[in-house]
Amino acid sequence: MAWRSVVISNPARLFLKHRALLVEQETGAVNVPLEDITALVIDNPQVSLTSQLLSACAEHQIAVITVGRNHAPNGVLMPFLPHSRALKVMRQQLAMSVPHKKRLWQGLVQQKLRNQAELLARHDEHDMANRLYSLAERVRSGDPDNCEAQGAQLYFPTLFGLDFTRDQPHLANAALDYGYSIIRSALARALVSYGFLPAFGLHHKSEQNAFNLADDLIEPYRPLVDAQALAICRDAVPDAELDTTAKSRLVGLLHHDAPRFEKGIPSGQSTILAMVDATVVSMGQRVADGGVILTLPGIPLKLP
């Protein structure tokens, strides 16, 4: 299992040398074995890299993530169908019934609400946490009552302040968007690696979204990013922007330990990156056997 994420935030030239990433900058050169890398984030417009390196990254299933002018991730290079039985997985995925998809979505929303509640409880917001725990128990197949949205209306103002909204130009929102994009990229990489068609989701169905399934599976992971974003905001000066250090902390979240849950029951712990793979593997098993219990993350025992 690869264990390192590499963020290139200064001008650099990237090469492939002896099955390793060679990074040349003004301060010197660094080698990182490809087998150690899970994600390569290119966060500077003055970075050049070779097609040979890109090809090697695809072979090693490394997610190469690019950013836009606003320095938010806007693209990801993923391996092209490396799974040995990709067609079988795709056929099973496309054959899923609507009730099956709704039951899987129910479990994802429930664990998201539980994680939101746990995070609030860790910050001594016990009354609101109990409301979210109760809401999680009321989620029905397919979430027809939109408990997920009800939870968000209670959760975000409690965590980030009563005047907080997700459309504000705020450090918290910049951190949330960046962190979500990193987890989403890791999920998309894992889905393709295990033979899924990520455009075909359980609940998300946008024709303009190539990663609907990743956007389904990310939901229980969002509160983990929220915890890191809150820590970044508390450490920052007023009116701060998302800097290189904060971005590194968000990318580094992939390597934090978190508990595993199956049907709300703890079953050990692993890094969040390993959890992403476990979630996708369990998704493959549920697609094959018609079950509804996925391996999902809980809130880390030690918050950032």
C-alpha atoms as a PDB file:
ATOM      1  CA  MET A   1       0.000   0.000   0.000  1.00  0.00           C
ATOM      2  CA  ALA A   2       1.421   3.380  -1.025  1.00  0.00           C
ATOM      3  CA  TRP A   3       1.712   5.722   1.935  1.00  0.00           C
ATOM      4  CA  ARG A   4       2.979   9.088   0.697  1.00  0.00           C
ATOM      5  CA  SER A   5       1.292  12.086  -0.924  1.00  0.00           C
ATOM      6  CA  VAL A   6       3.523  14.548  -2.777  1.00  0.00           C
ATOM      7  CA  VAL A   7       2.483  18.203  -3.155  1.00  0.00           C
ATOM      8  CA  ILE A   8       4.461  20.344  -5.623  1.00  0.00           C
ATOM      9  CA  SER A   9       3.779  23.970  -4.665  1.00  0.00           C
ATOM     10  CA  ASN A  10       6.904  25.650  -6.081  1.00  0.00           C
ATOM     11  CA  PRO A  11       8.345  25.784  -9.633  1.00  0.00           C
ATOM     12  CA  ALA A  12       9.854  22.404 -10.485  1.00  0.00           C
ATOM     13  CA  ARG A  13      10.709  19.905 -13.206  1.00  0.00           C
ATOM     14  CA  LEU A  14       9.463  16.353 -12.707  1.00  0.00           C
ATOM     15  CA  PHE A  15      11.037  13.291 -14.310  1.00  0.00           C
ATOM     16  CA  LEU A  16      10.965   9.520 -14.094  1.00  0.00           C
ATOM     17  CA  LYS A  17      14.320   8.072 -13.013  1.00  0.00           C
ATOM     18  CA  HIS A  18      14.922   4.471 -11.949  1.00  0.00           C
ATOM     19  CA  ARG A  19      11.233   3.869 -11.096  1.00  0.00           C
ATOM     20  CA  ALA A  20      11.184   6.972  -8.929  1.00  0.00           C
ATOM     21  CA  LEU A  21       9.838  10.503  -9.157  1.00  0.00           C
ATOM     22  CA  LEU A  22      12.710  12.969  -9.542  1.00  0.00           C
ATOM     23  CA  VAL A  23      11.807  16.517  -8.460  1.00  0.00           C
ATOM     24  CA  GLU A  24      14.268  19.226  -9.509  1.00  0.00           C
ATOM     25  CA  GLN A  25      13.905  22.673  -7.898  1.00  0.00           C
ATOM     26  CA  GLU A  26      16.164  25.622  -7.223  1.00  0.00           C
ATOM     27  CA  THR A  27      16.888  24.254  -3.760  1.00  0.00           C
ATOM     28  CA  GLY A  28      18.016  20.885  -5.126  1.00  0.00           C
ATOM     29  CA  ALA A  29      16.663  17.526  -6.284  1.00  0.00           C
ATOM     30  CA  VAL A  30      14.625  14.874  -4.470  1.00  0.00           C
ATOM     31  CA  ASN A  31      13.811  11.260  -5.406  1.00  0.00           C
ATOM     32  CA  VAL A  32      10.633   9.529  -4.264  1.00  0.00           C
ATOM     33  CA  PRO A  33      10.004   5.861  -5.225  1.00  0.00           C
ATOM     34  CA  LEU A  34       6.794   5.573  -7.248  1.00  0.00           C
ATOM     35  CA  GLU A  35       5.677   2.568  -5.202  1.00  0.00           C
ATOM     36  CA  ASP A  36       5.509   4.852  -2.134  1.00  0.00           C
ATOM     37  CA  ILE A  37       3.246   7.468  -3.757  1.00  0.00           C
ATOM     38  CA  THR A  38      -0.530   7.437  -3.727  1.00  0.00           C
ATOM     39  CA  ALA A  39      -1.195  11.000  -4.904  1.00  0.00           C
ATOM     40  CA  LEU A  40       0.832  13.662  -6.710  1.00  0.00           C
ATOM     41  CA  VAL A  41      -0.671  17.155  -6.382  1.00  0.00           C
ATOM     42  CA  ILE A  42       0.664  19.737  -8.851  1.00  0.00           C
ATOM     43  CA  ASP A  43      -0.124  23.092  -7.260  1.00  0.00           C
ATOM     44  CA  ASN A  44       2.007  25.537  -9.238  1.00  0.00           C
ATOM     45  CA  PRO A  45       1.688  26.716 -12.854  1.00  0.00           C
ATOM     46  CA  GLN A  46       5.467  26.572 -13.312  1.00  0.00           C
ATOM     47  CA  VAL A  47       5.756  22.794 -13.064  1.00  0.00           C
ATOM     48  CA  SER A  48       6.832  20.750 -16.083  1.00  0.00           C
ATOM     49  CA  LEU A  49       6.748  16.959 -16.282  1.00  0.00           C
ATOM     50  CA  THR A  50       7.375  14.281 -18.860  1.00  0.00           C
ATOM     51  CA  SER A  51       4.874  12.005 -20.574  1.00  0.00           C
ATOM     52  CA  GLN A  52       7.060   9.081 -19.444  1.00  0.00           C
ATOM     53  CA  LEU A  53       6.415  10.079 -15.832  1.00  0.00           C
ATOM     54  CA  LEU A  54       2.655  10.384 -16.416  1.00  0.00           C
ATOM     55  CA  SER A  55       2.584   6.928 -17.962  1.00  0.00           C
ATOM     56  CA  ALA A  56       4.504   5.475 -15.027  1.00  0.00           C
ATOM     57  CA  CYS A  57       2.122   7.164 -12.570  1.00  0.00           C
ATOM     58  CA  ALA A  58      -0.816   5.521 -14.351  1.00  0.00           C
ATOM     59  CA  GLU A  59       0.885   2.125 -14.185  1.00  0.00           C
ATOM     60  CA  HIS A  60       1.454   2.546 -10.435  1.00  0.00           C
ATOM     61  CA  GLN A  61      -2.140   3.764  -9.934  1.00  0.00           C
ATOM     62  CA  ILE A  62      -0.987   7.163  -8.654  1.00  0.00           C
ATOM     63  CA  ALA A  63      -3.629   9.885  -8.696  1.00  0.00           C
ATOM     64  CA  VAL A  64      -2.050  12.916 -10.389  1.00  0.00           C
ATOM     65  CA  ILE A  65      -4.132  15.901  -9.294  1.00  0.00           C
ATOM     66  CA  THR A  66      -4.033  19.278 -11.051  1.00  0.00           C
ATOM     67  CA  VAL A  67      -5.334  22.602  -9.742  1.00  0.00           C
ATOM     68  CA  GLY A  68      -6.931  25.613 -11.410  1.00  0.00           C
ATOM     69  CA  ARG A  69      -6.223  29.318 -11.145  1.00  0.00           C
ATOM     70  CA  ASN A  70      -7.962  29.421  -7.782  1.00  0.00           C
ATOM     71  CA  HIS A  71      -5.586  26.653  -6.580  1.00  0.00           C
ATOM     72  CA  ALA A  72      -8.497  24.255  -6.061  1.00  0.00           C
ATOM     73  CA  PRO A  73      -8.150  20.742  -7.541  1.00  0.00           C
ATOM     74  CA  ASN A  74      -9.779  20.594 -10.971  1.00  0.00           C
ATOM     75  CA  GLY A  75      -8.577  17.358 -12.554  1.00  0.00           C
ATOM     76  CA  VAL A  76      -7.148  13.915 -11.853  1.00  0.00           C
ATOM     77  CA  LEU A  77      -5.226  11.405 -13.978  1.00  0.00           C
ATOM     78  CA  MET A  78      -6.337   7.856 -13.285  1.00  0.00           C
ATOM     79  CA  PRO A  79      -5.217   4.437 -14.548  1.00  0.00           C
ATOM     80  CA  PHE A  80      -7.097   3.052 -17.545  1.00  0.00           C
ATOM     81  CA  LEU A  81      -9.056  -0.049 -16.475  1.00  0.00           C
ATOM     82  CA  PRO A  82      -6.260  -1.900 -14.625  1.00  0.00           C
ATOM     83  CA  HIS A  83      -8.666  -4.361 -12.982  1.00  0.00           C
ATOM     84  CA  SER A  84      -8.379  -7.881 -14.364  1.00  0.00           C
ATOM     85  CA  ARG A  85     -12.145  -8.406 -14.393  1.00  0.00           C
ATOM     86  CA  ALA A  86     -13.313  -4.897 -15.192  1.00  0.00           C
ATOM     87  CA  LEU A  87     -16.077  -6.004 -17.578  1.00  0.00           C
ATOM     88  CA  LYS A  88     -17.583  -8.316 -14.956  1.00  0.00           C
ATOM     89  CA  VAL A  89     -17.616  -5.549 -12.354  1.00  0.00           C
ATOM     90  CA  MET A  90     -19.153  -3.093 -14.824  1.00  0.00           C
ATOM     91  CA  ARG A  91     -21.920  -5.521 -15.772  1.00  0.00           C
ATOM     92  CA  GLN A  92     -22.742  -6.139 -12.110  1.00  0.00           C
ATOM     93  CA  GLN A  93     -22.722  -2.413 -11.428  1.00  0.00           C
ATOM     94  CA  LEU A  94     -25.056  -1.629 -14.329  1.00  0.00           C
ATOM     95  CA  ALA A  95     -27.382  -4.468 -13.317  1.00  0.00           C
ATOM     96  CA  MET A  96     -27.990  -3.067  -9.810  1.00  0.00           C
ATOM     97  CA  SER A  97     -31.658  -2.586  -8.986  1.00  0.00           C
ATOM     98  CA  VAL A  98     -33.065   0.754  -7.842  1.00  0.00           C
ATOM     99  CA  PRO A  99     -34.059  -0.629  -4.397  1.00  0.00           C
ATOM    100  CA  HIS A 100     -30.511  -1.954  -3.926  1.00  0.00           C
ATOM    101  CA  LYS A 101     -29.019   1.449  -4.746  1.00  0.00           C
ATOM    102  CA  LYS A 102     -31.431   3.140  -2.345  1.00  0.00           C
ATOM    103  CA  ARG A 103     -30.464   0.836   0.516  1.00  0.00           C
ATOM    104  CA  LEU A 104     -26.768   1.499  -0.073  1.00  0.00           C
ATOM    105  CA  TRP A 105     -27.441   5.258  -0.153  1.00  0.00           C
ATOM    106  CA  GLN A 106     -29.365   4.943   3.115  1.00  0.00           C
ATOM    107  CA  GLY A 107     -26.286   3.457   4.806  1.00  0.00           C
ATOM    108  CA  LEU A 108     -24.000   6.172   3.455  1.00  0.00           C
ATOM    109  CA  VAL A 109     -26.268   8.958   4.718  1.00  0.00           C
ATOM    110  CA  GLN A 110     -26.634   7.302   8.115  1.00  0.00           C
ATOM    111  CA  GLN A 111     -22.874   7.021   8.616  1.00  0.00           C
ATOM    112  CA  LYS A 112     -22.372  10.606   7.435  1.00  0.00           C
ATOM    113  CA  LEU A 113     -24.877  11.839  10.024  1.00  0.00           C
ATOM    114  CA  ARG A 114     -23.285   9.688  12.733  1.00  0.00           C
ATOM    115  CA  ASN A 115     -19.865  11.116  11.889  1.00  0.00           C
ATOM    116  CA  GLN A 116     -21.221  14.654  11.955  1.00  0.00           C
ATOM    117  CA  ALA A 117     -22.808  13.951  15.326  1.00  0.00           C
ATOM    118  CA  GLU A 118     -19.588  12.439  16.706  1.00  0.00           C
ATOM    119  CA  LEU A 119     -17.557  15.446  15.577  1.00  0.00           C
ATOM    120  CA  LEU A 120     -19.989  17.848  17.265  1.00  0.00           C
ATOM    121  CA  ALA A 121     -19.907  15.757  20.440  1.00  0.00           C
ATOM    122  CA  ARG A 122     -16.088  15.934  20.460  1.00  0.00           C
ATOM    123  CA  HIS A 123     -16.476  19.724  20.500  1.00  0.00           C
ATOM    124  CA  ASP A 124     -18.981  19.585  23.387  1.00  0.00           C
ATOM    125  CA  GLU A 125     -22.032  20.320  21.221  1.00  0.00           C
ATOM    126  CA  HIS A 126     -23.896  17.410  22.770  1.00  0.00           C
ATOM    127  CA  ASP A 127     -27.473  18.622  22.267  1.00  0.00           C
ATOM    128  CA  MET A 128     -27.013  19.088  18.536  1.00  0.00           C
ATOM    129  CA  ALA A 129     -25.026  15.851  18.323  1.00  0.00           C
ATOM    130  CA  ASN A 130     -27.950  13.961  19.857  1.00  0.00           C
ATOM    131  CA  ARG A 131     -30.300  15.509  17.295  1.00  0.00           C
ATOM    132  CA  LEU A 132     -28.087  14.272  14.474  1.00  0.00           C
ATOM    133  CA  TYR A 133     -27.796  10.800  16.003  1.00  0.00           C
ATOM    134  CA  SER A 134     -31.584  10.686  16.174  1.00  0.00           C
ATOM    135  CA  LEU A 135     -31.848  11.906  12.592  1.00  0.00           C
ATOM    136  CA  ALA A 136     -29.502   9.130  11.445  1.00  0.00           C
ATOM    137  CA  GLU A 137     -31.861   6.524  12.913  1.00  0.00           C
ATOM    138  CA  ARG A 138     -34.764   7.981  10.927  1.00  0.00           C
ATOM    139  CA  VAL A 139     -33.107   7.727   7.509  1.00  0.00           C
ATOM    140  CA  ARG A 140     -35.177   5.485   5.249  1.00  0.00           C
ATOM    141  CA  SER A 141     -34.202   3.668   2.058  1.00  0.00           C
ATOM    142  CA  GLY A 142     -33.181   6.266  -0.520  1.00  0.00           C
ATOM    143  CA  ASP A 143     -33.492   9.049   2.096  1.00  0.00           C
ATOM    144  CA  PRO A 144     -36.859  10.323   0.752  1.00  0.00           C
ATOM    145  CA  ASP A 145     -37.138  12.706   3.729  1.00  0.00           C
ATOM    146  CA  ASN A 146     -33.797  14.304   2.783  1.00  0.00           C
ATOM    147  CA  CYS A 147     -32.329  13.766   6.242  1.00  0.00           C
ATOM    148  CA  GLU A 148     -28.906  14.493   4.767  1.00  0.00           C
ATOM    149  CA  ALA A 149     -29.898  18.105   3.987  1.00  0.00           C
ATOM    150  CA  GLN A 150     -31.674  18.473   7.321  1.00  0.00           C
ATOM    151  CA  GLY A 151     -28.489  17.405   9.041  1.00  0.00           C
ATOM    152  CA  ALA A 152     -26.384  19.913   7.104  1.00  0.00           C
ATOM    153  CA  GLN A 153     -28.648  22.785   8.169  1.00  0.00           C
ATOM    154  CA  LEU A 154     -28.026  21.883  11.809  1.00  0.00           C
ATOM    155  CA  TYR A 155     -24.411  20.786  11.541  1.00  0.00           C
ATOM    156  CA  PHE A 156     -22.487  23.508   9.690  1.00  0.00           C
ATOM    157  CA  PRO A 157     -23.697  26.522  11.743  1.00  0.00           C
ATOM    158  CA  THR A 158     -22.988  24.578  14.940  1.00  0.00           C
ATOM    159  CA  LEU A 159     -19.475  23.612  13.854  1.00  0.00           C
ATOM    160  CA  PHE A 160     -18.326  26.815  12.116  1.00  0.00           C
ATOM    161  CA  GLY A 161     -20.602  29.511  13.599  1.00  0.00           C
ATOM    162  CA  LEU A 162     -24.203  30.615  13.249  1.00  0.00           C
ATOM    163  CA  ASP A 163     -23.460  33.002  10.367  1.00  0.00           C
ATOM    164  CA  PHE A 164     -21.562  30.380   8.349  1.00  0.00           C
ATOM    165  CA  THR A 165     -22.830  29.235   4.940  1.00  0.00           C
ATOM    166  CA  ARG A 166     -21.154  27.031   2.347  1.00  0.00           C
ATOM    167  CA  ASP A 167     -21.179  29.754  -0.335  1.00  0.00           C
ATOM    168  CA  GLN A 168     -19.103  32.315   1.583  1.00  0.00           C
ATOM    169  CA  PRO A 169     -15.580  33.326   0.444  1.00  0.00           C
ATOM    170  CA  HIS A 170     -14.196  32.019   3.725  1.00  0.00           C
ATOM    171  CA  LEU A 171     -11.046  30.120   4.741  1.00  0.00           C
ATOM    172  CA  ALA A 172     -13.217  27.295   6.054  1.00  0.00           C
ATOM    173  CA  ASN A 173     -14.948  26.863   2.695  1.00  0.00           C
ATOM    174  CA  ALA A 174     -11.638  26.945   0.829  1.00  0.00           C
ATOM    175  CA  ALA A 175     -10.291  24.252   3.157  1.00  0.00           C
ATOM    176  CA  LEU A 176     -13.458  22.154   2.857  1.00  0.00           C
ATOM    177  CA  ASP A 177     -13.488  22.331  -0.943  1.00  0.00           C
ATOM    178  CA  TYR A 178      -9.798  21.454  -1.186  1.00  0.00           C
ATOM    179  CA  GLY A 179     -10.044  18.574   1.268  1.00  0.00           C
ATOM    180  CA  TYR A 180     -13.180  17.155  -0.327  1.00  0.00           C
ATOM    181  CA  SER A 181     -11.480  17.244  -3.733  1.00  0.00           C
ATOM    182  CA  ILE A 182      -8.520  15.238  -2.420  1.00  0.00           C
ATOM    183  CA  ILE A 183     -10.734  12.522  -0.908  1.00  0.00           C
ATOM    184  CA  ARG A 184     -12.914  12.514  -4.033  1.00  0.00           C
ATOM    185  CA  SER A 185      -9.838  11.989  -6.207  1.00  0.00           C
ATOM    186  CA  ALA A 186      -8.683   9.089  -4.025  1.00  0.00           C
ATOM    187  CA  LEU A 187     -12.117   7.487  -4.288  1.00  0.00           C
ATOM    188  CA  ALA A 188     -12.248   7.975  -8.054  1.00  0.00           C
ATOM    189  CA  ARG A 189      -8.802   6.404  -8.388  1.00  0.00           C
ATOM    190  CA  ALA A 190      -9.845   3.402  -6.301  1.00  0.00           C
ATOM    191  CA  LEU A 191     -13.133   2.947  -8.181  1.00  0.00           C
ATOM    192  CA  VAL A 192     -11.388   2.830 -11.544  1.00  0.00           C
ATOM    193  CA  SER A 193      -8.693   0.549 -10.122  1.00  0.00           C
ATOM    194  CA  TYR A 194     -11.341  -1.966  -9.054  1.00  0.00           C
ATOM    195  CA  GLY A 195     -13.185  -1.894 -12.369  1.00  0.00           C
ATOM    196  CA  PHE A 196     -16.109   0.436 -11.617  1.00  0.00           C
ATOM    197  CA  LEU A 197     -17.612   3.015 -13.940  1.00  0.00           C
ATOM    198  CA  PRO A 198     -17.526   6.042 -11.618  1.00  0.00           C
ATOM    199  CA  ALA A 199     -20.040   8.017 -13.710  1.00  0.00           C
ATOM    200  CA  PHE A 200     -22.849   5.632 -12.669  1.00  0.00           C
ATOM    201  CA  GLY A 201     -23.821   6.521  -9.118  1.00  0.00           C
ATOM    202  CA  LEU A 202     -26.234   5.292  -6.482  1.00  0.00           C
ATOM    203  CA  HIS A 203     -27.905   8.620  -5.712  1.00  0.00           C
ATOM    204  CA  HIS A 204     -25.968  11.206  -7.728  1.00  0.00           C
ATOM    205  CA  LYS A 205     -27.012  11.055 -11.376  1.00  0.00           C
ATOM    206  CA  SER A 206     -25.763  14.213 -13.086  1.00  0.00           C
ATOM    207  CA  GLU A 207     -25.045  13.664 -16.769  1.00  0.00           C
ATOM    208  CA  GLN A 208     -22.258  16.242 -16.516  1.00  0.00           C
ATOM    209  CA  ASN A 209     -20.495  14.456 -13.657  1.00  0.00           C
ATOM    210  CA  ALA A 210     -17.974  11.742 -14.487  1.00  0.00           C
ATOM    211  CA  PHE A 211     -17.641  10.804 -10.787  1.00  0.00           C
ATOM    212  CA  ASN A 212     -21.186  10.348  -9.492  1.00  0.00           C
ATOM    213  CA  LEU A 213     -20.279   7.157  -7.627  1.00  0.00           C
ATOM    214  CA  ALA A 214     -17.309   8.855  -5.940  1.00  0.00           C
ATOM    215  CA  ASP A 215     -19.683  11.636  -4.858  1.00  0.00           C
ATOM    216  CA  ASP A 216     -21.930   9.001  -3.277  1.00  0.00           C
ATOM    217  CA  LEU A 217     -19.156   7.236  -1.392  1.00  0.00           C
ATOM    218  CA  ILE A 218     -17.500  10.442  -0.170  1.00  0.00           C
ATOM    219  CA  GLU A 219     -20.401  11.446   2.071  1.00  0.00           C
ATOM    220  CA  PRO A 220     -19.241   9.667   5.280  1.00  0.00           C
ATOM    221  CA  TYR A 221     -15.725  11.010   4.643  1.00  0.00           C
ATOM    222  CA  ARG A 222     -16.756  14.662   4.589  1.00  0.00           C
ATOM    223  CA  PRO A 223     -16.856  15.107   8.400  1.00  0.00           C
ATOM    224  CA  LEU A 224     -13.248  13.882   8.537  1.00  0.00           C
ATOM    225  CA  VAL A 225     -12.285  16.760   6.248  1.00  0.00           C
ATOM    226  CA  ASP A 226     -14.469  19.097   8.319  1.00  0.00           C
ATOM    227  CA  ALA A 227     -12.435  18.257  11.423  1.00  0.00           C
ATOM    228  CA  GLN A 228      -9.188  19.157   9.664  1.00  0.00           C
ATOM    229  CA  ALA A 229     -10.674  22.338   8.173  1.00  0.00           C
ATOM    230  CA  LEU A 230     -11.852  23.447  11.612  1.00  0.00           C
ATOM    231  CA  ALA A 231      -8.369  22.891  13.030  1.00  0.00           C
ATOM    232  CA  ILE A 232      -6.848  24.921  10.179  1.00  0.00           C
ATOM    233  CA  CYS A 233      -9.249  27.795  10.826  1.00  0.00           C
ATOM    234  CA  ARG A 234      -8.514  27.818  14.537  1.00  0.00           C
ATOM    235  CA  ASP A 235      -4.754  27.949  13.897  1.00  0.00           C
ATOM    236  CA  ALA A 236      -5.015  30.749  11.296  1.00  0.00           C
ATOM    237  CA  VAL A 237      -4.895  34.511  11.708  1.00  0.00           C
ATOM    238  CA  PRO A 238      -8.060  36.518  10.828  1.00  0.00           C
ATOM    239  CA  ASP A 239      -8.793  36.830   7.082  1.00  0.00           C
ATOM    240  CA  ALA A 240      -6.157  34.214   6.249  1.00  0.00           C
ATOM    241  CA  GLU A 241      -6.153  32.398   2.924  1.00  0.00           C
ATOM    242  CA  LEU A 242      -5.549  28.714   2.287  1.00  0.00           C
ATOM    243  CA  ASP A 243      -1.753  28.510   2.192  1.00  0.00           C
ATOM    244  CA  THR A 244       0.688  25.753   1.289  1.00  0.00           C
ATOM    245  CA  THR A 245       0.926  24.492   4.852  1.00  0.00           C
ATOM    246  CA  ALA A 246      -2.849  24.176   5.153  1.00  0.00           C
ATOM    247  CA  LYS A 247      -3.067  22.357   1.826  1.00  0.00           C
ATOM    248  CA  SER A 248      -0.379  19.923   2.934  1.00  0.00           C
ATOM    249  CA  ARG A 249      -2.355  19.229   6.094  1.00  0.00           C
ATOM    250  CA  LEU A 250      -5.443  18.471   4.016  1.00  0.00           C
ATOM    251  CA  VAL A 251      -3.571  16.163   1.650  1.00  0.00           C
ATOM    252  CA  GLY A 252      -1.892  14.542   4.642  1.00  0.00           C
ATOM    253  CA  LEU A 253      -5.327  13.651   5.994  1.00  0.00           C
ATOM    254  CA  LEU A 254      -5.194  10.612   3.704  1.00  0.00           C
ATOM    255  CA  HIS A 255      -2.578   9.127   6.014  1.00  0.00           C
ATOM    256  CA  HIS A 256      -4.373   9.758   9.324  1.00  0.00           C
ATOM    257  CA  ASP A 257      -5.788   6.759  11.177  1.00  0.00           C
ATOM    258  CA  ALA A 258      -9.554   6.434  11.536  1.00  0.00           C
ATOM    259  CA  PRO A 259     -11.885   3.709  12.832  1.00  0.00           C
ATOM    260  CA  ARG A 260     -13.681   1.386  10.403  1.00  0.00           C
ATOM    261  CA  PHE A 261     -17.408   0.870  10.715  1.00  0.00           C
ATOM    262  CA  GLU A 262     -19.733  -1.721   9.258  1.00  0.00           C
ATOM    263  CA  LYS A 263     -23.433  -1.044   9.838  1.00  0.00           C
ATOM    264  CA  GLY A 264     -22.476   1.438  12.541  1.00  0.00           C
ATOM    265  CA  ILE A 265     -20.331  -1.114  14.411  1.00  0.00           C
ATOM    266  CA  PRO A 266     -16.553  -0.512  14.885  1.00  0.00           C
ATOM    267  CA  SER A 267     -14.273  -3.095  13.253  1.00  0.00           C
ATOM    268  CA  GLY A 268     -10.703  -1.918  13.748  1.00  0.00           C
ATOM    269  CA  GLN A 269      -8.976   1.086  12.221  1.00  0.00           C
ATOM    270  CA  SER A 270      -6.698   2.030   9.336  1.00  0.00           C
ATOM    271  CA  THR A 271      -5.409   5.055   7.492  1.00  0.00           C
ATOM    272  CA  ILE A 272      -8.057   7.004   5.608  1.00  0.00           C
ATOM    273  CA  LEU A 273      -6.329   6.075   2.356  1.00  0.00           C
ATOM    274  CA  ALA A 274      -6.602   2.369   3.217  1.00  0.00           C
ATOM    275  CA  MET A 275     -10.204   3.023   4.248  1.00  0.00           C
ATOM    276  CA  VAL A 276     -10.954   4.400   0.787  1.00  0.00           C
ATOM    277  CA  ASP A 277      -9.768   1.126  -0.732  1.00  0.00           C
ATOM    278  CA  ALA A 278     -11.753  -0.866   1.831  1.00  0.00           C
ATOM    279  CA  THR A 279     -14.909   1.099   1.036  1.00  0.00           C
ATOM    280  CA  VAL A 280     -14.515   0.434  -2.693  1.00  0.00           C
ATOM    281  CA  VAL A 281     -13.702  -3.245  -2.118  1.00  0.00           C
ATOM    282  CA  SER A 282     -16.831  -3.609   0.022  1.00  0.00           C
ATOM    283  CA  MET A 283     -18.799  -1.830  -2.694  1.00  0.00           C
ATOM    284  CA  GLY A 284     -17.577  -4.449  -5.161  1.00  0.00           C
ATOM    285  CA  GLN A 285     -18.685  -7.209  -2.797  1.00  0.00           C
ATOM    286  CA  ARG A 286     -22.122  -5.656  -2.324  1.00  0.00           C
ATOM    287  CA  VAL A 287     -22.582  -5.211  -6.068  1.00  0.00           C
ATOM    288  CA  ALA A 288     -21.837  -8.923  -6.466  1.00  0.00           C
ATOM    289  CA  ASP A 289     -23.866 -10.318  -3.548  1.00  0.00           C
ATOM    290  CA  GLY A 290     -26.716  -7.811  -3.278  1.00  0.00           C
ATOM    291  CA  GLY A 291     -25.854  -6.863   0.312  1.00  0.00           C
ATOM    292  CA  VAL A 292     -26.038  -3.350   1.745  1.00  0.00           C
ATOM    293  CA  ILE A 293     -23.277  -3.169   4.399  1.00  0.00           C
ATOM    294  CA  LEU A 294     -20.265  -1.108   3.305  1.00  0.00           C
ATOM    295  CA  THR A 295     -16.981  -0.554   5.131  1.00  0.00           C
ATOM    296  CA  LEU A 296     -17.061   3.137   6.057  1.00  0.00           C
ATOM    297  CA  PRO A 297     -14.948   5.540   8.150  1.00  0.00           C
ATOM    298  CA  GLY A 298     -15.633   6.946  11.582  1.00  0.00           C
ATOM    299  CA  ILE A 299     -14.225  10.071  13.169  1.00  0.00           C
ATOM    300  CA  PRO A 300     -10.530   9.578  14.076  1.00  0.00           C
ATOM    301  CA  LEU A 301      -9.885   8.827  17.728  1.00  0.00           C
ATOM    302  CA  LYS A 302      -7.371  11.679  17.745  1.00  0.00           C
ATOM    303  CA  LEU A 303      -8.671  14.778  15.982  1.00  0.00           C
ATOM    304  CA  PRO A 304      -6.255  16.957  13.950  1.00  0.00           C
END
